[in-house]
C-alpha atoms as a PDB file:
ATOM      1  CA  MET A   1     130.311 162.096 243.144  1.00  0.00           C
ATOM      2  CA  ILE A   2     133.535 163.902 242.264  1.00  0.00           C
ATOM      3  CA  ASP A   3     136.683 162.150 241.135  1.00  0.00           C
ATOM      4  CA  GLU A   4     138.800 162.383 244.279  1.00  0.00           C
ATOM      5  CA  GLU A   5     141.951 161.089 242.592  1.00  0.00           C
ATOM      6  CA  GLU A   6     141.816 163.922 240.093  1.00  0.00           C
ATOM      7  CA  TYR A   7     140.765 166.792 242.290  1.00  0.00           C
ATOM      8  CA  PHE A   8     141.952 166.254 245.819  1.00  0.00           C
ATOM      9  CA  ASP A   9     144.953 163.984 245.594  1.00  0.00           C
ATOM     10  CA  GLU A  10     147.631 165.984 247.456  1.00  0.00           C
ATOM     11  CA  ASP A  11     150.146 165.924 244.611  1.00  0.00           C
ATOM     12  CA  LEU A  12     147.580 166.946 242.026  1.00  0.00           C
ATOM     13  CA  ILE A  13     145.965 169.749 243.980  1.00  0.00           C
ATOM     14  CA  ASP A  14     149.427 171.107 244.822  1.00  0.00           C
ATOM     15  CA  ASN A  15     150.277 171.167 241.128  1.00  0.00           C
ATOM     16  CA  LEU A  16     146.869 172.533 240.126  1.00  0.00           C
ATOM     17  CA  LEU A  17     146.514 175.183 242.750  1.00  0.00           C
ATOM     18  CA  ASN A  18     149.929 175.990 244.203  1.00  0.00           C
ATOM     19  CA  ALA A  19     147.923 177.872 246.820  1.00  0.00           C
ATOM     20  CA  ASP A  20     150.974 179.426 248.435  1.00  0.00           C
ATOM     21  CA  GLU A  21     151.308 181.569 245.325  1.00  0.00           C
ATOM     22  CA  THR A  22     147.760 181.729 243.900  1.00  0.00           C
ATOM     23  CA  THR A  23     145.091 184.174 245.029  1.00  0.00           C
ATOM     24  CA  ILE A  24     141.869 184.756 243.116  1.00  0.00           C
ATOM     25  CA  THR A  25     141.126 188.464 242.658  1.00  0.00           C
ATOM     26  CA  ASP A  26     137.807 190.212 241.986  1.00  0.00           C
ATOM     27  CA  GLY A  27     136.826 190.315 238.344  1.00  0.00           C
ATOM     28  CA  GLU A  28     139.302 187.614 237.309  1.00  0.00           C
ATOM     29  CA  GLU A  29     137.992 185.034 234.842  1.00  0.00           C
ATOM     30  CA  LEU A  30     137.663 181.675 236.574  1.00  0.00           C
ATOM     31  CA  TYR A  31     137.317 178.104 235.347  1.00  0.00           C
ATOM     32  CA  GLU A  32     135.472 175.285 237.071  1.00  0.00           C
ATOM     33  CA  HIS A  33     137.571 172.217 237.879  1.00  0.00           C
ATOM     34  CA  PHE A  34     135.010 170.214 239.831  1.00  0.00           C
ATOM     35  CA  ARG A  35     131.455 170.417 241.156  1.00  0.00           C
ATOM     36  CA  MET A  36     129.521 168.521 243.816  1.00  0.00           C
ATOM     37  CA  GLU A  37     126.166 168.976 245.546  1.00  0.00           C
ATOM     38  CA  VAL A  38     125.718 168.500 249.294  1.00  0.00           C
ATOM     39  CA  ASP A  39     123.158 165.881 250.357  1.00  0.00           C
ATOM     40  CA  LYS A  40     119.708 167.014 251.507  1.00  0.00           C
ATOM     41  CA  GLY A  41     120.167 165.635 255.030  1.00  0.00           C
ATOM     42  CA  GLN A  42     123.633 167.044 255.655  1.00  0.00           C
ATOM     43  CA  ASP A  43     124.251 168.596 259.102  1.00  0.00           C
ATOM     44  CA  ALA A  44     126.030 171.939 259.320  1.00  0.00           C
ATOM     45  CA  VAL A  45     129.808 171.318 259.348  1.00  0.00           C
ATOM     46  CA  ARG A  46     132.908 173.283 258.349  1.00  0.00           C
ATOM     47  CA  ILE A  47     133.618 172.916 254.656  1.00  0.00           C
ATOM     48  CA  ASP A  48     137.268 171.934 255.180  1.00  0.00           C
ATOM     49  CA  LYS A  49     136.166 169.120 257.498  1.00  0.00           C
ATOM     50  CA  PHE A  50     133.336 168.159 255.127  1.00  0.00           C
ATOM     51  CA  LEU A  51     135.690 167.784 252.136  1.00  0.00           C
ATOM     52  CA  PHE A  52     138.497 166.168 254.124  1.00  0.00           C
ATOM     53  CA  GLU A  53     136.225 163.414 255.450  1.00  0.00           C
ATOM     54  CA  ARG A  54     134.992 162.589 251.965  1.00  0.00           C
ATOM     55  CA  MET A  55     138.282 162.627 250.094  1.00  0.00           C
ATOM     56  CA  GLN A  56     140.589 159.894 251.349  1.00  0.00           C
ATOM     57  CA  HIS A  57     143.497 161.324 249.345  1.00  0.00           C
ATOM     58  CA  SER A  58     142.988 164.890 250.534  1.00  0.00           C
ATOM     59  CA  SER A  59     144.948 167.065 252.905  1.00  0.00           C
ATOM     60  CA  ARG A  60     142.904 169.315 255.193  1.00  0.00           C
ATOM     61  CA  ASN A  61     145.722 171.841 255.178  1.00  0.00           C
ATOM     62  CA  ARG A  62     145.649 172.041 251.381  1.00  0.00           C
ATOM     63  CA  ILE A  63     141.852 172.389 251.373  1.00  0.00           C
ATOM     64  CA  GLN A  64     142.159 175.263 253.842  1.00  0.00           C
ATOM     65  CA  LYS A  65     144.766 176.973 251.686  1.00  0.00           C
ATOM     66  CA  ALA A  66     142.561 176.506 248.627  1.00  0.00           C
ATOM     67  CA  ALA A  67     139.705 178.236 250.465  1.00  0.00           C
ATOM     68  CA  ASP A  68     141.992 181.027 251.715  1.00  0.00           C
ATOM     69  CA  ALA A  69     143.112 181.609 248.135  1.00  0.00           C
ATOM     70  CA  GLY A  70     139.493 182.125 247.055  1.00  0.00           C
ATOM     71  CA  CYS A  71     139.323 178.946 245.005  1.00  0.00           C
ATOM     72  CA  ILE A  72     136.548 177.061 246.825  1.00  0.00           C
ATOM     73  CA  HIS A  73     133.118 178.415 245.996  1.00  0.00           C
ATOM     74  CA  VAL A  74     129.684 177.603 247.382  1.00  0.00           C
ATOM     75  CA  ASN A  75     126.674 178.474 245.235  1.00  0.00           C
ATOM     76  CA  GLY A  76     128.906 180.673 243.102  1.00  0.00           C
ATOM     77  CA  THR A  77     130.515 182.634 245.944  1.00  0.00           C
ATOM     78  CA  PRO A  78     134.025 182.075 247.411  1.00  0.00           C
ATOM     79  CA  VAL A  79     134.029 180.885 251.019  1.00  0.00           C
ATOM     80  CA  LYS A  80     136.607 180.473 253.762  1.00  0.00           C
ATOM     81  CA  SER A  81     137.467 177.134 255.332  1.00  0.00           C
ATOM     82  CA  SER A  82     135.260 177.980 258.339  1.00  0.00           C
ATOM     83  CA  TYR A  83     132.116 178.107 256.187  1.00  0.00           C
ATOM     84  CA  LYS A  84     129.527 175.555 257.322  1.00  0.00           C
ATOM     85  CA  VAL A  85     127.962 173.584 254.500  1.00  0.00           C
ATOM     86  CA  ARG A  86     124.186 173.345 254.213  1.00  0.00           C
ATOM     87  CA  PRO A  87     121.877 170.882 252.443  1.00  0.00           C
ATOM     88  CA  ASN A  88     121.881 171.268 248.650  1.00  0.00           C
ATOM     89  CA  ASP A  89     124.924 173.579 248.634  1.00  0.00           C
ATOM     90  CA  VAL A  90     126.855 173.346 245.356  1.00  0.00           C
ATOM     91  CA  ILE A  91     130.620 173.273 245.971  1.00  0.00           C
ATOM     92  CA  THR A  92     133.037 174.063 243.149  1.00  0.00           C
ATOM     93  CA  LEU A  93     136.795 174.448 242.772  1.00  0.00           C
ATOM     94  CA  MET A  94     137.495 177.532 240.652  1.00  0.00           C
ATOM     95  CA  LEU A  95     140.933 178.298 239.244  1.00  0.00           C
ATOM     96  CA  ASP A  96     142.374 181.080 237.112  1.00  0.00           C
ATOM     97  CA  ARG A  97     143.217 178.727 234.241  1.00  0.00           C
ATOM     98  CA  PRO A  98     141.231 176.214 232.207  1.00  0.00           C
ATOM     99  CA  LYS A  99     141.204 172.575 233.146  1.00  0.00           C
ATOM    100  CA  HIS A 100     143.919 170.744 231.240  1.00  0.00           C
ATOM    101  CA  ASP A 101     142.837 168.201 228.677  1.00  0.00           C
ATOM    102  CA  ASN A 102     144.116 164.972 230.211  1.00  0.00           C
ATOM    103  CA  THR A 103     143.328 162.832 227.174  1.00  0.00           C
ATOM    104  CA  ILE A 104     146.197 160.420 226.623  1.00  0.00           C
ATOM    105  CA  VAL A 105     147.578 160.653 223.104  1.00  0.00           C
ATOM    106  CA  ALA A 106     149.633 157.885 221.504  1.00  0.00           C
ATOM    107  CA  GLU A 107     153.269 158.916 221.003  1.00  0.00           C
ATOM    108  CA  ASP A 108     155.996 157.016 219.185  1.00  0.00           C
ATOM    109  CA  ILE A 109     158.350 156.463 222.131  1.00  0.00           C
ATOM    110  CA  PRO A 110     160.583 153.339 222.224  1.00  0.00           C
ATOM    111  CA  LEU A 111     159.577 150.629 224.691  1.00  0.00           C
ATOM    112  CA  ASN A 112     161.644 147.783 226.090  1.00  0.00           C
ATOM    113  CA  VAL A 113     159.011 145.043 226.087  1.00  0.00           C
ATOM    114  CA  VAL A 114     160.200 142.076 228.119  1.00  0.00           C
ATOM    115  CA  TYR A 115     157.071 139.963 227.576  1.00  0.00           C
ATOM    116  CA  GLU A 116     153.732 140.349 225.806  1.00  0.00           C
ATOM    117  CA  ASP A 117     150.645 138.262 225.091  1.00  0.00           C
ATOM    118  CA  ASN A 118     146.946 138.962 224.541  1.00  0.00           C
ATOM    119  CA  GLU A 119     146.314 139.911 228.175  1.00  0.00           C
ATOM    120  CA  ILE A 120     149.461 141.490 229.599  1.00  0.00           C
ATOM    121  CA  MET A 121     152.749 143.231 228.897  1.00  0.00           C
ATOM    122  CA  VAL A 122     155.865 143.439 231.048  1.00  0.00           C
ATOM    123  CA  ILE A 123     158.041 146.472 230.340  1.00  0.00           C
ATOM    124  CA  SER A 124     161.484 147.463 231.573  1.00  0.00           C
ATOM    125  CA  LYS A 125     161.278 151.222 232.154  1.00  0.00           C
ATOM    126  CA  PRO A 126     164.411 153.357 231.859  1.00  0.00           C
ATOM    127  CA  ALA A 127     165.235 155.917 234.523  1.00  0.00           C
ATOM    128  CA  GLY A 128     164.045 159.412 233.687  1.00  0.00           C
ATOM    129  CA  LEU A 129     160.811 158.340 231.987  1.00  0.00           C
ATOM    130  CA  VAL A 130     157.671 159.603 233.725  1.00  0.00           C
ATOM    131  CA  VAL A 131     155.120 156.814 234.100  1.00  0.00           C
ATOM    132  CA  HIS A 132     151.833 158.713 233.889  1.00  0.00           C
ATOM    133  CA  PRO A 133     150.870 162.164 232.538  1.00  0.00           C
ATOM    134  CA  GLY A 134     150.475 164.838 235.189  1.00  0.00           C
ATOM    135  CA  ALA A 135     151.101 168.495 235.887  1.00  0.00           C
ATOM    136  CA  GLY A 136     154.278 169.485 234.047  1.00  0.00           C
ATOM    137  CA  ASN A 137     154.472 166.156 232.214  1.00  0.00           C
ATOM    138  CA  PHE A 138     151.446 165.818 229.943  1.00  0.00           C
ATOM    139  CA  HIS A 139     153.413 164.238 227.097  1.00  0.00           C
ATOM    140  CA  GLY A 140     156.376 161.918 226.598  1.00  0.00           C
ATOM    141  CA  THR A 141     155.357 159.468 229.335  1.00  0.00           C
ATOM    142  CA  LEU A 142     155.295 155.694 229.527  1.00  0.00           C
ATOM    143  CA  ILE A 143     151.502 155.741 229.148  1.00  0.00           C
ATOM    144  CA  ASN A 144     151.831 157.693 225.887  1.00  0.00           C
ATOM    145  CA  ALA A 145     154.332 155.093 224.676  1.00  0.00           C
ATOM    146  CA  ILE A 146     152.021 152.204 225.626  1.00  0.00           C
ATOM    147  CA  ALA A 147     149.149 153.879 223.794  1.00  0.00           C
ATOM    148  CA  TRP A 148     151.289 153.944 220.634  1.00  0.00           C
ATOM    149  CA  HIS A 149     152.471 150.366 221.048  1.00  0.00           C
ATOM    150  CA  LEU A 150     148.873 149.123 221.399  1.00  0.00           C
ATOM    151  CA  ARG A 151     147.301 151.550 218.928  1.00  0.00           C
ATOM    152  CA  GLU A 152     146.112 148.688 216.682  1.00  0.00           C
ATOM    153  CA  LEU A 153     144.393 146.898 219.563  1.00  0.00           C
ATOM    154  CA  LYS A 154     140.761 147.995 219.181  1.00  0.00           C
ATOM    155  CA  ASP A 155     139.674 147.022 222.683  1.00  0.00           C
ATOM    156  CA  PHE A 156     142.508 148.905 224.430  1.00  0.00           C
ATOM    157  CA  ASP A 157     141.672 152.492 225.391  1.00  0.00           C
ATOM    158  CA  PRO A 158     144.614 154.205 227.177  1.00  0.00           C
ATOM    159  CA  ASN A 159     142.135 156.663 228.722  1.00  0.00           C
ATOM    160  CA  ASP A 160     140.156 153.869 230.385  1.00  0.00           C
ATOM    161  CA  PRO A 161     141.361 153.256 233.980  1.00  0.00           C
ATOM    162  CA  ALA A 162     140.040 149.687 233.732  1.00  0.00           C
ATOM    163  CA  VAL A 163     143.114 148.791 231.652  1.00  0.00           C
ATOM    164  CA  GLY A 164     146.768 149.818 231.614  1.00  0.00           C
ATOM    165  CA  LEU A 165     149.280 150.110 234.444  1.00  0.00           C
ATOM    166  CA  VAL A 166     148.761 147.727 237.343  1.00  0.00           C
ATOM    167  CA  HIS A 167     151.368 149.475 239.529  1.00  0.00           C
ATOM    168  CA  ARG A 168     153.907 152.316 239.272  1.00  0.00           C
ATOM    169  CA  ILE A 169     157.513 153.201 239.991  1.00  0.00           C
ATOM    170  CA  ASP A 170     159.114 156.626 240.323  1.00  0.00           C
ATOM    171  CA  LYS A 171     160.357 158.619 237.348  1.00  0.00           C
ATOM    172  CA  ASP A 172     164.030 158.134 238.248  1.00  0.00           C
ATOM    173  CA  THR A 173     163.669 154.493 239.273  1.00  0.00           C
ATOM    174  CA  SER A 174     164.341 151.962 236.518  1.00  0.00           C
ATOM    175  CA  GLY A 175     162.921 148.483 236.148  1.00  0.00           C
ATOM    176  CA  LEU A 176     159.932 146.227 235.571  1.00  0.00           C
ATOM    177  CA  LEU A 177     156.311 147.306 235.241  1.00  0.00           C
ATOM    178  CA  LEU A 178     153.176 145.261 234.548  1.00  0.00           C
ATOM    179  CA  ILE A 179     150.459 146.396 232.121  1.00  0.00           C
ATOM    180  CA  ALA A 180     147.009 144.842 231.687  1.00  0.00           C
ATOM    181  CA  LYS A 181     145.450 144.886 228.223  1.00  0.00           C
ATOM    182  CA  THR A 182     141.942 143.923 229.353  1.00  0.00           C
ATOM    183  CA  PRO A 183     139.713 144.907 232.288  1.00  0.00           C
ATOM    184  CA  GLU A 184     139.563 141.277 233.407  1.00  0.00           C
ATOM    185  CA  ALA A 185     143.357 141.035 233.490  1.00  0.00           C
ATOM    186  CA  LYS A 186     143.703 144.274 235.455  1.00  0.00           C
ATOM    187  CA  THR A 187     141.129 143.179 238.025  1.00  0.00           C
ATOM    188  CA  PHE A 188     142.820 139.803 238.483  1.00  0.00           C
ATOM    189  CA  LEU A 189     146.316 141.283 238.739  1.00  0.00           C
ATOM    190  CA  GLY A 190     145.171 144.171 240.927  1.00  0.00           C
ATOM    191  CA  LYS A 191     143.849 141.706 243.494  1.00  0.00           C
ATOM    192  CA  GLN A 192     147.280 140.076 243.685  1.00  0.00           C
ATOM    193  CA  PHE A 193     148.938 143.395 244.453  1.00  0.00           C
ATOM    194  CA  PHE A 194     146.235 144.211 246.999  1.00  0.00           C
ATOM    195  CA  ASN A 195     146.586 140.801 248.676  1.00  0.00           C
ATOM    196  CA  LYS A 196     150.417 141.052 248.584  1.00  0.00           C
ATOM    197  CA  THR A 197     150.833 137.776 246.687  1.00  0.00           C
ATOM    198  CA  THR A 198     153.050 139.256 243.979  1.00  0.00           C
ATOM    199  CA  HIS A 199     156.836 138.970 244.236  1.00  0.00           C
ATOM    200  CA  ARG A 200     158.884 142.125 243.670  1.00  0.00           C
ATOM    201  CA  SER A 201     162.486 142.854 244.510  1.00  0.00           C
ATOM    202  CA  TYR A 202     164.625 145.934 244.038  1.00  0.00           C
ATOM    203  CA  THR A 203     168.377 146.428 243.878  1.00  0.00           C
ATOM    204  CA  ALA A 204     169.707 149.579 245.514  1.00  0.00           C
ATOM    205  CA  LEU A 205     173.027 151.207 246.303  1.00  0.00           C
ATOM    206  CA  VAL A 206     172.829 152.989 249.653  1.00  0.00           C
ATOM    207  CA  TRP A 207     175.125 155.041 251.816  1.00  0.00           C
ATOM    208  CA  GLY A 208     176.845 153.402 254.778  1.00  0.00           C
ATOM    209  CA  ASN A 209     177.830 149.945 255.928  1.00  0.00           C
ATOM    210  CA  PHE A 210     175.276 147.718 257.660  1.00  0.00           C
ATOM    211  CA  THR A 211     176.258 145.845 260.806  1.00  0.00           C
ATOM    212  CA  GLU A 212     173.798 143.062 259.988  1.00  0.00           C
ATOM    213  CA  GLU A 213     173.283 140.993 256.841  1.00  0.00           C
ATOM    214  CA  GLU A 214     169.537 141.521 256.596  1.00  0.00           C
ATOM    215  CA  GLY A 215     166.755 143.422 258.308  1.00  0.00           C
ATOM    216  CA  ARG A 216     163.149 144.574 258.377  1.00  0.00           C
ATOM    217  CA  ILE A 217     161.908 148.159 258.405  1.00  0.00           C
ATOM    218  CA  GLU A 218     158.395 148.931 259.586  1.00  0.00           C
ATOM    219  CA  GLY A 219     157.025 152.454 259.695  1.00  0.00           C
ATOM    220  CA  ASN A 220     154.074 154.320 258.264  1.00  0.00           C
ATOM    221  CA  ILE A 221     154.732 156.312 255.110  1.00  0.00           C
ATOM    222  CA  GLY A 222     153.109 159.744 254.914  1.00  0.00           C
ATOM    223  CA  ARG A 223     153.649 163.192 253.462  1.00  0.00           C
ATOM    224  CA  ASP A 224     156.500 165.143 255.072  1.00  0.00           C
ATOM    225  CA  PRO A 225     154.791 168.202 256.619  1.00  0.00           C
ATOM    226  CA  LYS A 226     157.882 170.324 255.920  1.00  0.00           C
ATOM    227  CA  ASP A 227     158.337 169.222 252.292  1.00  0.00           C
ATOM    228  CA  ARG A 228     155.269 168.031 250.395  1.00  0.00           C
ATOM    229  CA  LEU A 229     157.442 166.512 247.637  1.00  0.00           C
ATOM    230  CA  ARG A 230     158.996 164.094 250.104  1.00  0.00           C
ATOM    231  CA  MET A 231     157.600 161.261 252.203  1.00  0.00           C
ATOM    232  CA  ASN A 232     158.364 160.727 255.878  1.00  0.00           C
ATOM    233  CA  VAL A 233     158.284 157.725 258.212  1.00  0.00           C
ATOM    234  CA  PHE A 234     155.991 157.730 261.236  1.00  0.00           C
ATOM    235  CA  PRO A 235     155.553 155.179 264.074  1.00  0.00           C
ATOM    236  CA  PRO A 236     153.595 152.066 263.044  1.00  0.00           C
ATOM    237  CA  ASP A 237     151.047 152.610 265.810  1.00  0.00           C
ATOM    238  CA  SER A 238     150.389 156.228 264.801  1.00  0.00           C
ATOM    239  CA  GLU A 239     147.430 157.361 262.751  1.00  0.00           C
ATOM    240  CA  ILE A 240     149.701 159.273 260.377  1.00  0.00           C
ATOM    241  CA  GLY A 241     150.456 157.822 256.951  1.00  0.00           C
ATOM    242  CA  LYS A 242     149.900 154.281 255.720  1.00  0.00           C
ATOM    243  CA  PRO A 243     151.509 151.069 257.072  1.00  0.00           C
ATOM    244  CA  ALA A 244     154.638 150.022 255.202  1.00  0.00           C
ATOM    245  CA  VAL A 245     157.142 147.179 255.585  1.00  0.00           C
ATOM    246  CA  THR A 246     160.442 146.763 253.702  1.00  0.00           C
ATOM    247  CA  HIS A 247     162.815 143.793 253.964  1.00  0.00           C
ATOM    248  CA  TYR A 248     166.439 144.150 252.915  1.00  0.00           C
ATOM    249  CA  ARG A 249     169.559 142.005 252.664  1.00  0.00           C
ATOM    250  CA  VAL A 250     173.157 142.879 251.948  1.00  0.00           C
ATOM    251  CA  LEU A 251     174.416 141.822 248.519  1.00  0.00           C
ATOM    252  CA  GLU A 252     177.853 143.426 248.506  1.00  0.00           C
ATOM    253  CA  ARG A 253     179.771 145.810 250.752  1.00  0.00           C
ATOM    254  CA  PHE A 254     181.910 148.684 249.483  1.00  0.00           C
ATOM    255  CA  GLY A 255     182.963 150.175 252.800  1.00  0.00           C
ATOM    256  CA  TYR A 256     181.264 153.545 252.498  1.00  0.00           C
ATOM    257  CA  THR A 257     178.305 152.258 250.474  1.00  0.00           C
ATOM    258  CA  THR A 258     176.408 148.968 250.346  1.00  0.00           C
ATOM    259  CA  LEU A 259     174.582 147.141 247.579  1.00  0.00           C
ATOM    260  CA  ILE A 260     171.323 145.713 248.927  1.00  0.00           C
ATOM    261  CA  GLY A 261     168.278 143.818 247.723  1.00  0.00           C
ATOM    262  CA  CYS A 262     164.842 144.952 248.930  1.00  0.00           C
ATOM    263  CA  THR A 263     161.475 143.212 248.939  1.00  0.00           C
ATOM    264  CA  LEU A 264     158.238 144.970 249.775  1.00  0.00           C
ATOM    265  CA  GLU A 265     155.262 143.831 251.792  1.00  0.00           C
ATOM    266  CA  THR A 266     153.520 147.059 250.797  1.00  0.00           C
ATOM    267  CA  GLY A 267     153.838 149.452 247.885  1.00  0.00           C
ATOM    268  CA  ARG A 268     153.785 152.991 249.246  1.00  0.00           C
ATOM    269  CA  THR A 269     154.992 156.128 247.500  1.00  0.00           C
ATOM    270  CA  HIS A 270     158.798 156.434 247.854  1.00  0.00           C
ATOM    271  CA  GLN A 271     158.725 153.474 250.281  1.00  0.00           C
ATOM    272  CA  ILE A 272     162.307 152.233 249.856  1.00  0.00           C
ATOM    273  CA  ARG A 273     163.672 155.766 249.569  1.00  0.00           C
ATOM    274  CA  ALA A 274     161.923 156.957 252.739  1.00  0.00           C
ATOM    275  CA  HIS A 275     162.603 153.794 254.754  1.00  0.00           C
ATOM    276  CA  MET A 276     166.319 153.807 253.904  1.00  0.00           C
ATOM    277  CA  LYS A 277     166.590 157.486 254.809  1.00  0.00           C
ATOM    278  CA  HIS A 278     164.807 156.696 258.079  1.00  0.00           C
ATOM    279  CA  ILE A 279     167.409 154.109 259.153  1.00  0.00           C
ATOM    280  CA  GLY A 280     170.338 156.307 258.136  1.00  0.00           C
ATOM    281  CA  HIS A 281     171.134 154.730 254.757  1.00  0.00           C
ATOM    282  CA  PRO A 282     169.769 157.049 252.019  1.00  0.00           C
ATOM    283  CA  LEU A 283     169.940 155.793 248.457  1.00  0.00           C
ATOM    284  CA  PHE A 284     173.108 156.894 246.701  1.00  0.00           C
ATOM    285  CA  GLY A 285     172.311 159.787 244.376  1.00  0.00           C
ATOM    286  CA  ASP A 286     168.832 160.386 245.803  1.00  0.00           C
ATOM    287  CA  GLU A 287     168.855 164.185 245.985  1.00  0.00           C
ATOM    288  CA  ARG A 288     165.403 164.481 247.553  1.00  0.00           C
ATOM    289  CA  TYR A 289     166.404 162.297 250.516  1.00  0.00           C
ATOM    290  CA  GLY A 290     169.968 163.535 251.026  1.00  0.00           C
ATOM    291  CA  GLY A 291     171.741 160.909 248.947  1.00  0.00           C
ATOM    292  CA  THR A 292     173.826 163.368 246.933  1.00  0.00           C
ATOM    293  CA  GLU A 293     175.660 164.499 250.070  1.00  0.00           C
ATOM    294  CA  ILE A 294     178.881 162.775 251.193  1.00  0.00           C
ATOM    295  CA  LEU A 295     177.521 160.825 254.150  1.00  0.00           C
ATOM    296  CA  CYS A 296     180.399 158.390 254.699  1.00  0.00           C
ATOM    297  CA  GLY A 297     184.111 158.332 253.988  1.00  0.00           C
ATOM    298  CA  GLN A 298     186.979 160.733 253.872  1.00  0.00           C
ATOM    299  CA  ARG A 299     186.715 164.492 253.598  1.00  0.00           C
ATOM    300  CA  THR A 300     189.643 164.953 251.245  1.00  0.00           C
ATOM    301  CA  SER A 301     189.328 166.834 247.975  1.00  0.00           C
ATOM    302  CA  THR A 302     190.288 163.652 246.115  1.00  0.00           C
ATOM    303  CA  TYR A 303     187.486 161.654 247.716  1.00  0.00           C
ATOM    304  CA  ARG A 304     184.985 164.457 247.060  1.00  0.00           C
ATOM    305  CA  ALA A 305     185.983 164.441 243.408  1.00  0.00           C
ATOM    306  CA  TYR A 306     185.559 160.655 243.322  1.00  0.00           C
ATOM    307  CA  ILE A 307     182.024 160.946 244.714  1.00  0.00           C
ATOM    308  CA  GLN A 308     181.138 163.619 242.163  1.00  0.00           C
ATOM    309  CA  ASN A 309     182.330 161.310 239.393  1.00  0.00           C
ATOM    310  CA  CYS A 310     180.155 158.521 240.803  1.00  0.00           C
ATOM    311  CA  LEU A 311     177.149 160.843 240.866  1.00  0.00           C
ATOM    312  CA  LYS A 312     177.784 161.791 237.238  1.00  0.00           C
ATOM    313  CA  LEU A 313     177.819 158.112 236.271  1.00  0.00           C
ATOM    314  CA  CYS A 314     174.431 157.562 237.891  1.00  0.00           C
ATOM    315  CA  ASN A 315     172.666 160.898 238.027  1.00  0.00           C
ATOM    316  CA  ARG A 316     169.591 159.692 239.956  1.00  0.00           C
ATOM    317  CA  GLN A 317     168.643 157.520 242.917  1.00  0.00           C
ATOM    318  CA  ALA A 318     170.460 154.192 242.571  1.00  0.00           C
ATOM    319  CA  LEU A 319     167.317 152.039 242.587  1.00  0.00           C
ATOM    320  CA  HIS A 320     166.195 149.379 240.116  1.00  0.00           C
ATOM    321  CA  ALA A 321     163.006 147.268 240.148  1.00  0.00           C
ATOM    322  CA  GLN A 322     164.785 144.068 239.210  1.00  0.00           C
ATOM    323  CA  THR A 323     162.341 141.183 239.622  1.00  0.00           C
ATOM    324  CA  LEU A 324     158.594 140.806 239.228  1.00  0.00           C
ATOM    325  CA  GLY A 325     156.489 137.694 239.852  1.00  0.00           C
ATOM    326  CA  PHE A 326     152.747 137.126 239.581  1.00  0.00           C
ATOM    327  CA  VAL A 327     150.108 134.605 238.503  1.00  0.00           C
ATOM    328  CA  HIS A 328     148.925 134.996 234.910  1.00  0.00           C
ATOM    329  CA  PRO A 329     145.264 136.095 234.693  1.00  0.00           C
ATOM    330  CA  ILE A 330     144.307 133.442 232.113  1.00  0.00           C
ATOM    331  CA  THR A 331     146.719 130.504 232.392  1.00  0.00           C
ATOM    332  CA  LYS A 332     146.957 130.836 236.202  1.00  0.00           C
ATOM    333  CA  GLN A 333     150.625 129.929 235.869  1.00  0.00           C
ATOM    334  CA  GLN A 334     153.328 131.624 237.949  1.00  0.00           C
ATOM    335  CA  MET A 335     155.368 134.072 235.863  1.00  0.00           C
ATOM    336  CA  ASP A 336     158.697 135.505 237.001  1.00  0.00           C
ATOM    337  CA  PHE A 337     160.822 138.121 235.285  1.00  0.00           C
ATOM    338  CA  THR A 338     164.261 139.603 235.915  1.00  0.00           C
ATOM    339  CA  SER A 339     165.669 142.807 234.465  1.00  0.00           C
ATOM    340  CA  GLU A 340     169.394 143.416 234.079  1.00  0.00           C
ATOM    341  CA  LEU A 341     170.874 146.412 235.838  1.00  0.00           C
ATOM    342  CA  PRO A 342     170.878 149.479 233.548  1.00  0.00           C
ATOM    343  CA  ASP A 343     174.240 150.784 232.371  1.00  0.00           C
ATOM    344  CA  ASP A 344     174.366 153.787 234.724  1.00  0.00           C
ATOM    345  CA  LEU A 345     173.702 151.755 237.866  1.00  0.00           C
ATOM    346  CA  ALA A 346     176.002 148.931 236.771  1.00  0.00           C
ATOM    347  CA  ALA A 347     178.782 151.450 236.088  1.00  0.00           C
ATOM    348  CA  VAL A 348     178.612 153.129 239.502  1.00  0.00           C
ATOM    349  CA  ILE A 349     178.494 149.739 241.265  1.00  0.00           C
ATOM    350  CA  GLU A 350     181.578 148.625 239.355  1.00  0.00           C
ATOM    351  CA  LYS A 351     183.336 151.875 240.227  1.00  0.00           C
ATOM    352  CA  TRP A 352     182.709 151.252 243.941  1.00  0.00           C
ATOM    353  CA  ARG A 353     183.728 147.623 243.581  1.00  0.00           C
ATOM    354  CA  ASN A 354     187.042 148.609 242.025  1.00  0.00           C
ATOM    355  CA  TYR A 355     187.553 151.321 244.615  1.00  0.00           C
ATOM    356  CA  ILE A 356     187.137 149.013 247.592  1.00  0.00           C
ATOM    357  CA  ASN A 357     189.334 146.370 245.933  1.00  0.00           C
ATOM    358  CA  GLY A 358     192.037 148.962 245.293  1.00  0.00           C
ATOM    359  CA  LYS A 359     191.938 148.412 241.546  1.00  0.00           C
ATOM    360  CA  GLN A 360     191.690 152.033 240.503  1.00  0.00           C
ATOM    361  CA  GLU A 361     192.525 155.514 241.612  1.00  0.00           C
ATOM    362  CA  LEU A 362     189.816 157.543 243.326  1.00  0.00           C
ATOM    363  CA  LEU A 363     189.301 159.581 240.204  1.00  0.00           C
END
């Protein structure tokens, strides 16, 4: 069985293949990136459908583009997406570059360790630090830093998926992350995340002023068909995307922006960012979801300059994973952690606070 996370996760195959720009030509040296053999009793079916039904993280459109680019081979020969697989066919993904060595190497990168014992670590991640190595970011990640921090721990292998990160946050989101040092701890903690018994809250600065004090957003999160680097919100009763629910409450109002707290029932990719965009309140500074545009307020040159200064203070989406609660895998005691707002987010919040209170000039 092939590793679907590695080979047909949409993000990874986009980065690997970039099929809009890659076309395999005759005589070009190719490198195998995965191989699988079709079962003996397999009925004839299109190869794009065959792969899509077996890879829960795949995109049929991306598989089709991979085939059109000459990258999907059967029994050593490139095939189109309309090819019908047969029993014992050998399917391979062939690219024009060698497979990258994904071995995680320990790197001496500073870590802000909030808590640590023999089973777990809680880390406060700064904005801008990539969590896990991937295309374009094979070094200098949080995982490389953890590998260095635990380099003396003989039983901890950073390349073993049975240990390590229990959950993730985006590169430009700051805040708390949970790491398991043992397989038993990761299994125990992973079940809590799966069963939604953990407690996580985020602090965010968003555009606009809410009419209500709190609310609930429900909508499936799925890949935006027009921009594969962005997520979109689809109706809850649709078959597109995965179910997602976000609760929010107003913490402080600044007229043109609002400071809110968010809690998640689910943990989807870009969930808060996509949900807030969906209800018309993109995160301040979130370029991918329109948060660097002036969405509320005056249109004067002075106000525009003020907004630019705010964006310079916090040059990323204004989102911080502030609290994290879970049951310890060994003691079975409830553990709760809180992370202070980082300097950039605290500074832009204070700037808006002073602005709305008339304590400073726009600039």
